All heavy atoms as atom14 arrays in JSON, in Angstrom:
{
  "sequence": "PAHPVSAEQPGEAPKGVRFALIPVYGVTIPVIVRFGNLSATAGIANVH",
  "atom14_mask": [
    [1, 1, 1, 1, 1, 1, 1, 0, 0, 0, 0, 0, 0, 0],
    [1, 1, 1, 1, 1, 0, 0, 0, 0, 0, 0, 0, 0, 0],
    [1, 1, 1, 1, 1, 1, 1, 1, 1, 1, 0, 0, 0, 0],
    [1, 1, 1, 1, 1, 1, 1, 0, 0, 0, 0, 0, 0, 0],
    [1, 1, 1, 1, 1, 1, 1, 0, 0, 0, 0, 0, 0, 0],
    [1, 1, 1, 1, 1, 1, 0, 0, 0, 0, 0, 0, 0, 0],
    [1, 1, 1, 1, 1, 0, 0, 0, 0, 0, 0, 0, 0, 0],
    [1, 1, 1, 1, 1, 1, 1, 1, 1, 0, 0, 0, 0, 0],
    [1, 1, 1, 1, 1, 1, 1, 1, 1, 0, 0, 0, 0, 0],
    [1, 1, 1, 1, 1, 1, 1, 0, 0, 0, 0, 0, 0, 0],
    [1, 1, 1, 1, 0, 0, 0, 0, 0, 0, 0, 0, 0, 0],
    [1, 1, 1, 1, 1, 1, 1, 1, 1, 0, 0, 0, 0, 0],
    [1, 1, 1, 1, 1, 0, 0, 0, 0, 0, 0, 0, 0, 0],
    [1, 1, 1, 1, 1, 1, 1, 0, 0, 0, 0, 0, 0, 0],
    [1, 1, 1, 1, 1, 1, 1, 1, 1, 0, 0, 0, 0, 0],
    [1, 1, 1, 1, 0, 0, 0, 0, 0, 0, 0, 0, 0, 0],
    [1, 1, 1, 1, 1, 1, 1, 0, 0, 0, 0, 0, 0, 0],
    [1, 1, 1, 1, 1, 1, 1, 1, 1, 1, 1, 0, 0, 0],
    [1, 1, 1, 1, 1, 1, 1, 1, 1, 1, 1, 0, 0, 0],
    [1, 1, 1, 1, 1, 0, 0, 0, 0, 0, 0, 0, 0, 0],
    [1, 1, 1, 1, 1, 1, 1, 1, 0, 0, 0, 0, 0, 0],
    [1, 1, 1, 1, 1, 1, 1, 1, 0, 0, 0, 0, 0, 0],
    [1, 1, 1, 1, 1, 1, 1, 0, 0, 0, 0, 0, 0, 0],
    [1, 1, 1, 1, 1, 1, 1, 0, 0, 0, 0, 0, 0, 0],
    [1, 1, 1, 1, 1, 1, 1, 1, 1, 1, 1, 1, 0, 0],
    [1, 1, 1, 1, 0, 0, 0, 0, 0, 0, 0, 0, 0, 0],
    [1, 1, 1, 1, 1, 1, 1, 0, 0, 0, 0, 0, 0, 0],
    [1, 1, 1, 1, 1, 1, 1, 0, 0, 0, 0, 0, 0, 0],
    [1, 1, 1, 1, 1, 1, 1, 1, 0, 0, 0, 0, 0, 0],
    [1, 1, 1, 1, 1, 1, 1, 0, 0, 0, 0, 0, 0, 0],
    [1, 1, 1, 1, 1, 1, 1, 0, 0, 0, 0, 0, 0, 0],
    [1, 1, 1, 1, 1, 1, 1, 1, 0, 0, 0, 0, 0, 0],
    [1, 1, 1, 1, 1, 1, 1, 0, 0, 0, 0, 0, 0, 0],
    [1, 1, 1, 1, 1, 1, 1, 1, 1, 1, 1, 0, 0, 0],
    [1, 1, 1, 1, 1, 1, 1, 1, 1, 1, 1, 0, 0, 0],
    [1, 1, 1, 1, 0, 0, 0, 0, 0, 0, 0, 0, 0, 0],
    [1, 1, 1, 1, 1, 1, 1, 1, 0, 0, 0, 0, 0, 0],
    [1, 1, 1, 1, 1, 1, 1, 1, 0, 0, 0, 0, 0, 0],
    [1, 1, 1, 1, 1, 1, 0, 0, 0, 0, 0, 0, 0, 0],
    [1, 1, 1, 1, 1, 0, 0, 0, 0, 0, 0, 0, 0, 0],
    [1, 1, 1, 1, 1, 1, 1, 0, 0, 0, 0, 0, 0, 0],
    [1, 1, 1, 1, 1, 0, 0, 0, 0, 0, 0, 0, 0, 0],
    [1, 1, 1, 1, 0, 0, 0, 0, 0, 0, 0, 0, 0, 0],
    [1, 1, 1, 1, 1, 1, 1, 1, 0, 0, 0, 0, 0, 0],
    [1, 1, 1, 1, 1, 0, 0, 0, 0, 0, 0, 0, 0, 0],
    [1, 1, 1, 1, 1, 1, 1, 1, 0, 0, 0, 0, 0, 0],
    [1, 1, 1, 1, 1, 1, 1, 0, 0, 0, 0, 0, 0, 0],
    [1, 1, 1, 1, 1, 1, 1, 1, 1, 1, 0, 0, 0, 0]
  ],
  "atom14_positions": [
    [[-67.93, -24.48, -25.65], [-68.53, -25.53, -26.43], [-69.99, -25.24, -26.71], [-70.67, -24.52, -25.95], [-68.38, -26.76, -25.58], [-68.29, -26.24, -24.19], [-67.63, -24.92, -24.31], [0.0, 0.0, 0.0], [0.0, 0.0, 0.0], [0.0, 0.0, 0.0], [0.0, 0.0, 0.0], [0.0, 0.0, 0.0], [0.0, 0.0, 0.0], [0.0, 0.0, 0.0]],
    [[-70.48, -25.75, -27.83], [-71.91, -25.57, -28.16], [-72.77, -26.37, -27.23], [-72.52, -27.51, -26.94], [-72.16, -25.93, -29.62], [0.0, 0.0, 0.0], [0.0, 0.0, 0.0], [0.0, 0.0, 0.0], [0.0, 0.0, 0.0], [0.0, 0.0, 0.0], [0.0, 0.0, 0.0], [0.0, 0.0, 0.0], [0.0, 0.0, 0.0], [0.0, 0.0, 0.0]],
    [[-73.86, -25.74, -26.74], [-74.83, -26.43, -25.87], [-76.18, -26.44, -26.54], [-76.65, -25.41, -27.01], [-74.94, -25.75, -24.51], [-73.75, -25.95, -23.66], [-73.51, -27.05, -22.89], [-72.62, -25.15, -23.44], [-72.37, -26.94, -22.24], [-71.83, -25.76, -22.55], [0.0, 0.0, 0.0], [0.0, 0.0, 0.0], [0.0, 0.0, 0.0], [0.0, 0.0, 0.0]],
    [[-76.82, -27.59, -26.58], [-78.17, -27.61, -27.21], [-79.15, -26.8, -26.36], [-79.01, -26.7, -25.16], [-78.52, -29.1, -27.19], [-77.68, -29.7, -26.1], [-76.43, -28.92, -26.11], [0.0, 0.0, 0.0], [0.0, 0.0, 0.0], [0.0, 0.0, 0.0], [0.0, 0.0, 0.0], [0.0, 0.0, 0.0], [0.0, 0.0, 0.0], [0.0, 0.0, 0.0]],
    [[-80.13, -26.24, -27.03], [-81.17, -25.51, -26.34], [-82.03, -26.48, -25.54], [-82.52, -27.48, -26.08], [-82.04, -24.72, -27.31], [-83.18, -24.0, -26.6], [-81.21, -23.73, -28.11], [0.0, 0.0, 0.0], [0.0, 0.0, 0.0], [0.0, 0.0, 0.0], [0.0, 0.0, 0.0], [0.0, 0.0, 0.0], [0.0, 0.0, 0.0], [0.0, 0.0, 0.0]],
    [[-82.12, -26.23, -24.21], [-82.87, -27.18, -23.35], [-84.38, -26.93, -23.55], [-84.82, -25.84, -23.71], [-82.51, -26.92, -21.91], [-82.73, -25.65, -21.54], [0.0, 0.0, 0.0], [0.0, 0.0, 0.0], [0.0, 0.0, 0.0], [0.0, 0.0, 0.0], [0.0, 0.0, 0.0], [0.0, 0.0, 0.0], [0.0, 0.0, 0.0], [0.0, 0.0, 0.0]],
    [[-85.09, -28.03, -23.55], [-86.59, -27.98, -23.71], [-87.2, -27.57, -22.4], [-86.65, -27.75, -21.3], [-87.12, -29.31, -24.16], [0.0, 0.0, 0.0], [0.0, 0.0, 0.0], [0.0, 0.0, 0.0], [0.0, 0.0, 0.0], [0.0, 0.0, 0.0], [0.0, 0.0, 0.0], [0.0, 0.0, 0.0], [0.0, 0.0, 0.0], [0.0, 0.0, 0.0]],
    [[-88.42, -27.01, -22.5], [-89.16, -26.69, -21.31], [-89.53, -27.95, -20.53], [-89.74, -29.05, -21.13], [-90.45, -25.95, -21.69], [-90.22, -24.61, -22.39], [-89.73, -23.55, -21.44], [-89.86, -23.78, -20.19], [-89.27, -22.53, -21.88], [0.0, 0.0, 0.0], [0.0, 0.0, 0.0], [0.0, 0.0, 0.0], [0.0, 0.0, 0.0], [0.0, 0.0, 0.0]],
    [[-89.57, -27.81, -19.24], [-90.02, -29.01, -18.45], [-91.45, -29.26, -18.73], [-92.26, -28.32, -18.98], [-89.77, -28.75, -16.97], [-88.33, -28.61, -16.59], [-87.58, -29.86, -16.83], [-88.05, -30.97, -16.6], [-86.33, -29.79, -17.31], [0.0, 0.0, 0.0], [0.0, 0.0, 0.0], [0.0, 0.0, 0.0], [0.0, 0.0, 0.0], [0.0, 0.0, 0.0]],
    [[-91.92, -30.53, -18.64], [-93.32, -30.82, -18.88], [-94.22, -29.98, -17.93], [-93.96, -29.92, -16.73], [-93.4, -32.32, -18.57], [-92.01, -32.82, -18.79], [-91.08, -31.72, -18.42], [0.0, 0.0, 0.0], [0.0, 0.0, 0.0], [0.0, 0.0, 0.0], [0.0, 0.0, 0.0], [0.0, 0.0, 0.0], [0.0, 0.0, 0.0], [0.0, 0.0, 0.0]],
    [[-95.24, -29.39, -18.49], [-96.15, -28.63, -17.7], [-95.71, -27.26, -17.4], [-96.42, -26.47, -16.73], [0.0, 0.0, 0.0], [0.0, 0.0, 0.0], [0.0, 0.0, 0.0], [0.0, 0.0, 0.0], [0.0, 0.0, 0.0], [0.0, 0.0, 0.0], [0.0, 0.0, 0.0], [0.0, 0.0, 0.0], [0.0, 0.0, 0.0], [0.0, 0.0, 0.0]],
    [[-94.48, -26.86, -17.85], [-93.97, -25.54, -17.56], [-94.36, -24.58, -18.67], [-94.08, -24.83, -19.84], [-92.41, -25.56, -17.44], [-91.81, -24.22, -17.11], [-90.29, -24.31, -17.02], [-89.78, -25.44, -17.02], [-89.67, -23.25, -16.96], [0.0, 0.0, 0.0], [0.0, 0.0, 0.0], [0.0, 0.0, 0.0], [0.0, 0.0, 0.0], [0.0, 0.0, 0.0]],
    [[-95.01, -23.52, -18.36], [-95.47, -22.54, -19.33], [-94.33, -21.53, -19.57], [-93.62, -21.12, -18.63], [-96.68, -21.83, -18.81], [0.0, 0.0, 0.0], [0.0, 0.0, 0.0], [0.0, 0.0, 0.0], [0.0, 0.0, 0.0], [0.0, 0.0, 0.0], [0.0, 0.0, 0.0], [0.0, 0.0, 0.0], [0.0, 0.0, 0.0], [0.0, 0.0, 0.0]],
    [[-94.12, -21.11, -20.83], [-93.15, -20.07, -21.14], [-93.4, -18.82, -20.35], [-94.54, -18.38, -20.19], [-93.28, -19.87, -22.66], [-94.01, -21.07, -23.13], [-94.85, -21.56, -22.02], [0.0, 0.0, 0.0], [0.0, 0.0, 0.0], [0.0, 0.0, 0.0], [0.0, 0.0, 0.0], [0.0, 0.0, 0.0], [0.0, 0.0, 0.0], [0.0, 0.0, 0.0]],
    [[-92.33, -18.2, -19.84], [-92.49, -17.03, -19.0], [-91.6, -15.91, -19.57], [-90.52, -15.6, -18.99], [-92.14, -17.24, -17.54], [-93.05, -18.33, -16.92], [-92.58, -18.59, -15.46], [-93.49, -19.66, -14.82], [-93.04, -19.99, -13.44], [0.0, 0.0, 0.0], [0.0, 0.0, 0.0], [0.0, 0.0, 0.0], [0.0, 0.0, 0.0], [0.0, 0.0, 0.0]],
    [[-92.0, -15.31, -20.63], [-91.29, -14.18, -21.17], [-89.97, -14.58, -21.9], [-89.86, -15.69, -22.38], [0.0, 0.0, 0.0], [0.0, 0.0, 0.0], [0.0, 0.0, 0.0], [0.0, 0.0, 0.0], [0.0, 0.0, 0.0], [0.0, 0.0, 0.0], [0.0, 0.0, 0.0], [0.0, 0.0, 0.0], [0.0, 0.0, 0.0], [0.0, 0.0, 0.0]],
    [[-89.02, -13.66, -21.86], [-87.74, -13.89, -22.58], [-86.75, -14.63, -21.68], [-86.62, -14.29, -20.49], [-87.15, -12.53, -23.02], [-85.87, -12.77, -23.79], [-88.16, -11.81, -23.88], [0.0, 0.0, 0.0], [0.0, 0.0, 0.0], [0.0, 0.0, 0.0], [0.0, 0.0, 0.0], [0.0, 0.0, 0.0], [0.0, 0.0, 0.0], [0.0, 0.0, 0.0]],
    [[-86.05, -15.57, -22.2], [-85.1, -16.38, -21.42], [-83.77, -16.39, -22.14], [-83.69, -16.63, -23.38], [-85.59, -17.75, -21.15], [-84.59, -18.63, -20.42], [-85.19, -19.94, -20.01], [-86.28, -19.73, -19.01], [-87.04, -20.71, -18.57], [-86.87, -21.94, -19.03], [-87.95, -20.48, -17.71], [0.0, 0.0, 0.0], [0.0, 0.0, 0.0], [0.0, 0.0, 0.0]],
    [[-82.65, -16.14, -21.41], [-81.31, -16.13, -21.96], [-80.5, -17.17, -21.22], [-80.58, -17.23, -19.99], [-80.65, -14.74, -21.81], [-81.33, -13.64, -22.54], [-82.28, -12.88, -21.89], [-81.09, -13.41, -23.84], [-82.94, -11.83, -22.52], [-81.73, -12.4, -24.57], [-82.69, -11.61, -23.86], [0.0, 0.0, 0.0], [0.0, 0.0, 0.0], [0.0, 0.0, 0.0]],
    [[-79.68, -17.89, -21.94], [-78.65, -18.78, -21.32], [-77.31, -18.25, -21.67], [-76.93, -18.19, -22.84], [-78.85, -20.26, -21.82], [0.0, 0.0, 0.0], [0.0, 0.0, 0.0], [0.0, 0.0, 0.0], [0.0, 0.0, 0.0], [0.0, 0.0, 0.0], [0.0, 0.0, 0.0], [0.0, 0.0, 0.0], [0.0, 0.0, 0.0], [0.0, 0.0, 0.0]],
    [[-76.53, -17.82, -20.67], [-75.26, -17.2, -20.95], [-74.11, -18.08, -20.44], [-74.16, -18.62, -19.33], [-75.16, -15.82, -20.21], [-76.2, -14.8, -20.62], [-76.04, -13.54, -19.82], [-76.17, -14.54, -22.08], [0.0, 0.0, 0.0], [0.0, 0.0, 0.0], [0.0, 0.0, 0.0], [0.0, 0.0, 0.0], [0.0, 0.0, 0.0], [0.0, 0.0, 0.0]],
    [[-73.08, -18.19, -21.23], [-71.87, -18.9, -20.85], [-70.73, -17.88, -20.82], [-70.28, -17.4, -21.86], [-71.53, -20.02, -21.84], [-72.7, -21.04, -21.89], [-70.25, -20.74, -21.42], [-72.47, -22.11, -22.94], [0.0, 0.0, 0.0], [0.0, 0.0, 0.0], [0.0, 0.0, 0.0], [0.0, 0.0, 0.0], [0.0, 0.0, 0.0], [0.0, 0.0, 0.0]],
    [[-70.18, -17.48, -19.63], [-69.09, -16.53, -19.57], [-67.89, -17.06, -20.38], [-67.55, -18.21, -20.29], [-68.79, -16.41, -18.1], [-70.03, -16.84, -17.41], [-70.63, -17.9, -18.31], [0.0, 0.0, 0.0], [0.0, 0.0, 0.0], [0.0, 0.0, 0.0], [0.0, 0.0, 0.0], [0.0, 0.0, 0.0], [0.0, 0.0, 0.0], [0.0, 0.0, 0.0]],
    [[-67.25, -16.12, -21.1], [-66.05, -16.45, -21.9], [-64.86, -15.84, -21.2], [-64.81, -14.63, -21.02], [-66.19, -15.96, -23.29], [-64.91, -16.28, -24.11], [-67.36, -16.57, -24.02], [0.0, 0.0, 0.0], [0.0, 0.0, 0.0], [0.0, 0.0, 0.0], [0.0, 0.0, 0.0], [0.0, 0.0, 0.0], [0.0, 0.0, 0.0], [0.0, 0.0, 0.0]],
    [[-63.93, -16.69, -20.79], [-62.75, -16.26, -20.03], [-61.57, -16.16, -20.97], [-61.45, -16.84, -21.98], [-62.46, -17.18, -18.92], [-63.59, -17.26, -17.89], [-64.43, -18.38, -17.87], [-63.77, -16.3, -16.93], [-65.48, -18.43, -16.96], [-64.8, -16.35, -16.01], [-65.64, -17.46, -16.04], [-66.66, -17.51, -15.14], [0.0, 0.0, 0.0], [0.0, 0.0, 0.0]],
    [[-60.62, -15.26, -20.57], [-59.4, -15.14, -21.36], [-58.3, -14.54, -20.56], [-58.49, -14.07, -19.46], [0.0, 0.0, 0.0], [0.0, 0.0, 0.0], [0.0, 0.0, 0.0], [0.0, 0.0, 0.0], [0.0, 0.0, 0.0], [0.0, 0.0, 0.0], [0.0, 0.0, 0.0], [0.0, 0.0, 0.0], [0.0, 0.0, 0.0], [0.0, 0.0, 0.0]],
    [[-57.08, -14.62, -21.06], [-55.91, -14.1, -20.42], [-55.17, -13.22, -21.46], [-55.06, -13.59, -22.63], [-55.0, -15.21, -19.97], [-53.68, -14.66, -19.42], [-55.64, -16.05, -18.89], [0.0, 0.0, 0.0], [0.0, 0.0, 0.0], [0.0, 0.0, 0.0], [0.0, 0.0, 0.0], [0.0, 0.0, 0.0], [0.0, 0.0, 0.0], [0.0, 0.0, 0.0]],
    [[-54.73, -12.05, -21.08], [-53.86, -11.25, -21.97], [-52.52, -11.1, -21.39], [-52.28, -11.04, -20.16], [-54.49, -9.82, -22.08], [-54.55, -9.21, -20.8], [-55.87, -9.86, -22.76], [0.0, 0.0, 0.0], [0.0, 0.0, 0.0], [0.0, 0.0, 0.0], [0.0, 0.0, 0.0], [0.0, 0.0, 0.0], [0.0, 0.0, 0.0], [0.0, 0.0, 0.0]],
    [[-51.51, -11.02, -22.3], [-50.13, -10.74, -21.89], [-49.54, -9.74, -22.84], [-49.89, -9.7, -24.06], [-49.23, -11.99, -21.93], [-49.04, -12.56, -23.33], [-49.83, -13.1, -21.0], [-48.01, -13.66, -23.42], [0.0, 0.0, 0.0], [0.0, 0.0, 0.0], [0.0, 0.0, 0.0], [0.0, 0.0, 0.0], [0.0, 0.0, 0.0], [0.0, 0.0, 0.0]],
    [[-48.72, -8.8, -22.35], [-48.09, -7.86, -23.25], [-46.93, -8.5, -24.02], [-46.17, -9.29, -23.51], [-47.56, -6.78, -22.3], [-47.3, -7.51, -21.01], [-48.36, -8.6, -20.94], [0.0, 0.0, 0.0], [0.0, 0.0, 0.0], [0.0, 0.0, 0.0], [0.0, 0.0, 0.0], [0.0, 0.0, 0.0], [0.0, 0.0, 0.0], [0.0, 0.0, 0.0]],
    [[-46.84, -8.12, -25.3], [-45.68, -8.49, -26.14], [-45.0, -7.18, -26.55], [-45.57, -6.37, -27.29], [-46.15, -9.31, -27.39], [-44.91, -9.66, -28.23], [-46.85, -10.56, -26.95], [0.0, 0.0, 0.0], [0.0, 0.0, 0.0], [0.0, 0.0, 0.0], [0.0, 0.0, 0.0], [0.0, 0.0, 0.0], [0.0, 0.0, 0.0], [0.0, 0.0, 0.0]],
    [[-43.78, -6.99, -26.13], [-43.06, -5.76, -26.29], [-41.89, -6.0, -27.26], [-41.11, -6.96, -27.07], [-42.55, -5.2, -24.96], [-43.74, -4.85, -24.04], [-41.65, -3.97, -25.16], [-43.35, -4.57, -22.6], [0.0, 0.0, 0.0], [0.0, 0.0, 0.0], [0.0, 0.0, 0.0], [0.0, 0.0, 0.0], [0.0, 0.0, 0.0], [0.0, 0.0, 0.0]],
    [[-41.8, -5.18, -28.26], [-40.71, -5.29, -29.25], [-39.83, -4.05, -29.11], [-40.34, -2.92, -29.21], [-41.18, -5.48, -30.67], [-40.06, -5.69, -31.65], [-42.26, -6.56, -30.76], [0.0, 0.0, 0.0], [0.0, 0.0, 0.0], [0.0, 0.0, 0.0], [0.0, 0.0, 0.0], [0.0, 0.0, 0.0], [0.0, 0.0, 0.0], [0.0, 0.0, 0.0]],
    [[-38.51, -4.23, -28.93], [-37.57, -3.11, -28.76], [-36.47, -3.2, -29.83], [-35.89, -4.18, -30.02], [-36.97, -3.12, -27.37], [-37.94, -2.82, -26.25], [-37.31, -2.92, -24.89], [-38.25, -2.6, -23.82], [-38.1, -2.95, -22.53], [-37.06, -3.66, -22.17], [-38.98, -2.58, -21.62], [0.0, 0.0, 0.0], [0.0, 0.0, 0.0], [0.0, 0.0, 0.0]],
    [[-36.28, -2.02, -30.5], [-35.24, -1.89, -31.47], [-34.39, -0.69, -31.12], [-34.91, 0.37, -30.79], [-35.79, -1.73, -32.88], [-36.59, -2.94, -33.41], [-37.91, -2.9, -33.47], [-35.9, -4.04, -33.81], [-38.67, -4.03, -33.88], [-36.64, -5.18, -34.25], [-37.98, -5.17, -34.3], [0.0, 0.0, 0.0], [0.0, 0.0, 0.0], [0.0, 0.0, 0.0]],
    [[-33.02, -0.92, -31.15], [-32.15, 0.2, -30.78], [-31.77, 0.15, -29.36], [-32.21, -0.65, -28.55], [0.0, 0.0, 0.0], [0.0, 0.0, 0.0], [0.0, 0.0, 0.0], [0.0, 0.0, 0.0], [0.0, 0.0, 0.0], [0.0, 0.0, 0.0], [0.0, 0.0, 0.0], [0.0, 0.0, 0.0], [0.0, 0.0, 0.0], [0.0, 0.0, 0.0]],
    [[-30.84, 1.1, -29.01], [-30.35, 1.21, -27.67], [-31.21, 2.2, -26.88], [-31.07, 3.37, -26.84], [-28.92, 1.71, -27.68], [-28.27, 1.74, -26.3], [-28.73, 1.0, -25.4], [-27.26, 2.49, -26.12], [0.0, 0.0, 0.0], [0.0, 0.0, 0.0], [0.0, 0.0, 0.0], [0.0, 0.0, 0.0], [0.0, 0.0, 0.0], [0.0, 0.0, 0.0]],
    [[-32.31, 1.62, -26.31], [-33.34, 2.41, -25.62], [-33.04, 2.53, -24.16], [-32.59, 1.56, -23.54], [-34.69, 1.8, -25.87], [-35.06, 1.5, -27.29], [-36.48, 0.86, -27.37], [-35.01, 2.71, -28.19], [0.0, 0.0, 0.0], [0.0, 0.0, 0.0], [0.0, 0.0, 0.0], [0.0, 0.0, 0.0], [0.0, 0.0, 0.0], [0.0, 0.0, 0.0]],
    [[-33.31, 3.65, -23.58], [-33.1, 3.81, -22.12], [-34.31, 4.46, -21.48], [-35.2, 5.04, -22.17], [-31.88, 4.67, -21.83], [-32.06, 5.99, -22.42], [0.0, 0.0, 0.0], [0.0, 0.0, 0.0], [0.0, 0.0, 0.0], [0.0, 0.0, 0.0], [0.0, 0.0, 0.0], [0.0, 0.0, 0.0], [0.0, 0.0, 0.0], [0.0, 0.0, 0.0]],
    [[-34.42, 4.35, -20.13], [-35.5, 4.97, -19.38], [-34.99, 5.26, -17.99], [-34.1, 4.6, -17.47], [-36.69, 4.03, -19.36], [0.0, 0.0, 0.0], [0.0, 0.0, 0.0], [0.0, 0.0, 0.0], [0.0, 0.0, 0.0], [0.0, 0.0, 0.0], [0.0, 0.0, 0.0], [0.0, 0.0, 0.0], [0.0, 0.0, 0.0], [0.0, 0.0, 0.0]],
    [[-35.58, 6.29, -17.42], [-35.32, 6.61, -16.03], [-36.6, 6.65, -15.29], [-37.72, 6.79, -15.85], [-34.62, 7.98, -15.89], [-35.45, 9.0, -16.45], [-33.27, 7.97, -16.61], [0.0, 0.0, 0.0], [0.0, 0.0, 0.0], [0.0, 0.0, 0.0], [0.0, 0.0, 0.0], [0.0, 0.0, 0.0], [0.0, 0.0, 0.0], [0.0, 0.0, 0.0]],
    [[-36.53, 6.53, -13.95], [-37.74, 6.51, -13.12], [-37.54, 7.29, -11.85], [-36.4, 7.6, -11.45], [-38.1, 5.04, -12.79], [0.0, 0.0, 0.0], [0.0, 0.0, 0.0], [0.0, 0.0, 0.0], [0.0, 0.0, 0.0], [0.0, 0.0, 0.0], [0.0, 0.0, 0.0], [0.0, 0.0, 0.0], [0.0, 0.0, 0.0], [0.0, 0.0, 0.0]],
    [[-38.59, 7.69, -11.26], [-38.52, 8.43, -10.0], [-39.69, 8.02, -9.07], [-40.7, 7.51, -9.53], [0.0, 0.0, 0.0], [0.0, 0.0, 0.0], [0.0, 0.0, 0.0], [0.0, 0.0, 0.0], [0.0, 0.0, 0.0], [0.0, 0.0, 0.0], [0.0, 0.0, 0.0], [0.0, 0.0, 0.0], [0.0, 0.0, 0.0], [0.0, 0.0, 0.0]],
    [[-39.54, 8.27, -7.78], [-40.55, 7.95, -6.75], [-40.86, 9.22, -5.99], [-39.94, 9.93, -5.52], [-40.03, 6.85, -5.8], [-39.68, 5.61, -6.6], [-41.09, 6.52, -4.74], [-38.92, 4.6, -5.78], [0.0, 0.0, 0.0], [0.0, 0.0, 0.0], [0.0, 0.0, 0.0], [0.0, 0.0, 0.0], [0.0, 0.0, 0.0], [0.0, 0.0, 0.0]],
    [[-42.14, 9.55, -5.81], [-42.49, 10.75, -5.11], [-43.83, 10.51, -4.35], [-44.5, 9.53, -4.52], [-42.69, 11.92, -6.06], [0.0, 0.0, 0.0], [0.0, 0.0, 0.0], [0.0, 0.0, 0.0], [0.0, 0.0, 0.0], [0.0, 0.0, 0.0], [0.0, 0.0, 0.0], [0.0, 0.0, 0.0], [0.0, 0.0, 0.0], [0.0, 0.0, 0.0]],
    [[-44.12, 11.44, -3.42], [-45.37, 11.5, -2.68], [-45.62, 10.14, -1.94], [-46.71, 9.6, -1.95], [-46.56, 11.72, -3.66], [-47.88, 12.04, -2.97], [-47.83, 12.54, -1.86], [-48.97, 11.73, -3.59], [0.0, 0.0, 0.0], [0.0, 0.0, 0.0], [0.0, 0.0, 0.0], [0.0, 0.0, 0.0], [0.0, 0.0, 0.0], [0.0, 0.0, 0.0]],
    [[-44.6, 9.61, -1.28], [-44.76, 8.43, -0.5], [-45.54, 8.75, 0.79], [-45.2, 9.64, 1.54], [-43.38, 7.84, -0.15], [-43.58, 6.55, 0.68], [-42.61, 7.54, -1.4], [0.0, 0.0, 0.0], [0.0, 0.0, 0.0], [0.0, 0.0, 0.0], [0.0, 0.0, 0.0], [0.0, 0.0, 0.0], [0.0, 0.0, 0.0], [0.0, 0.0, 0.0]],
    [[-46.62, 8.03, 1.03], [-47.4, 8.29, 2.22], [-48.12, 7.01, 2.65], [-48.24, 6.06, 1.88], [-48.38, 9.41, 1.97], [-49.41, 9.14, 0.93], [-49.09, 9.25, -0.42], [-50.7, 8.74, 1.0], [-50.2, 8.97, -1.12], [-51.14, 8.6, -0.29], [0.0, 0.0, 0.0], [0.0, 0.0, 0.0], [0.0, 0.0, 0.0], [0.0, 0.0, 0.0]]
  ]
}
């Protein structure tokens, strides 16, 4: 959401560059489309 820029506190002098950051979170999921009779094989090695 949009946040208004906060004013300096009374008597507070500006001190260089100031940034206000709002982390943006997200979730990704795979969407897989398969056409035809597809196959796959797998193997396991180097177990330690």
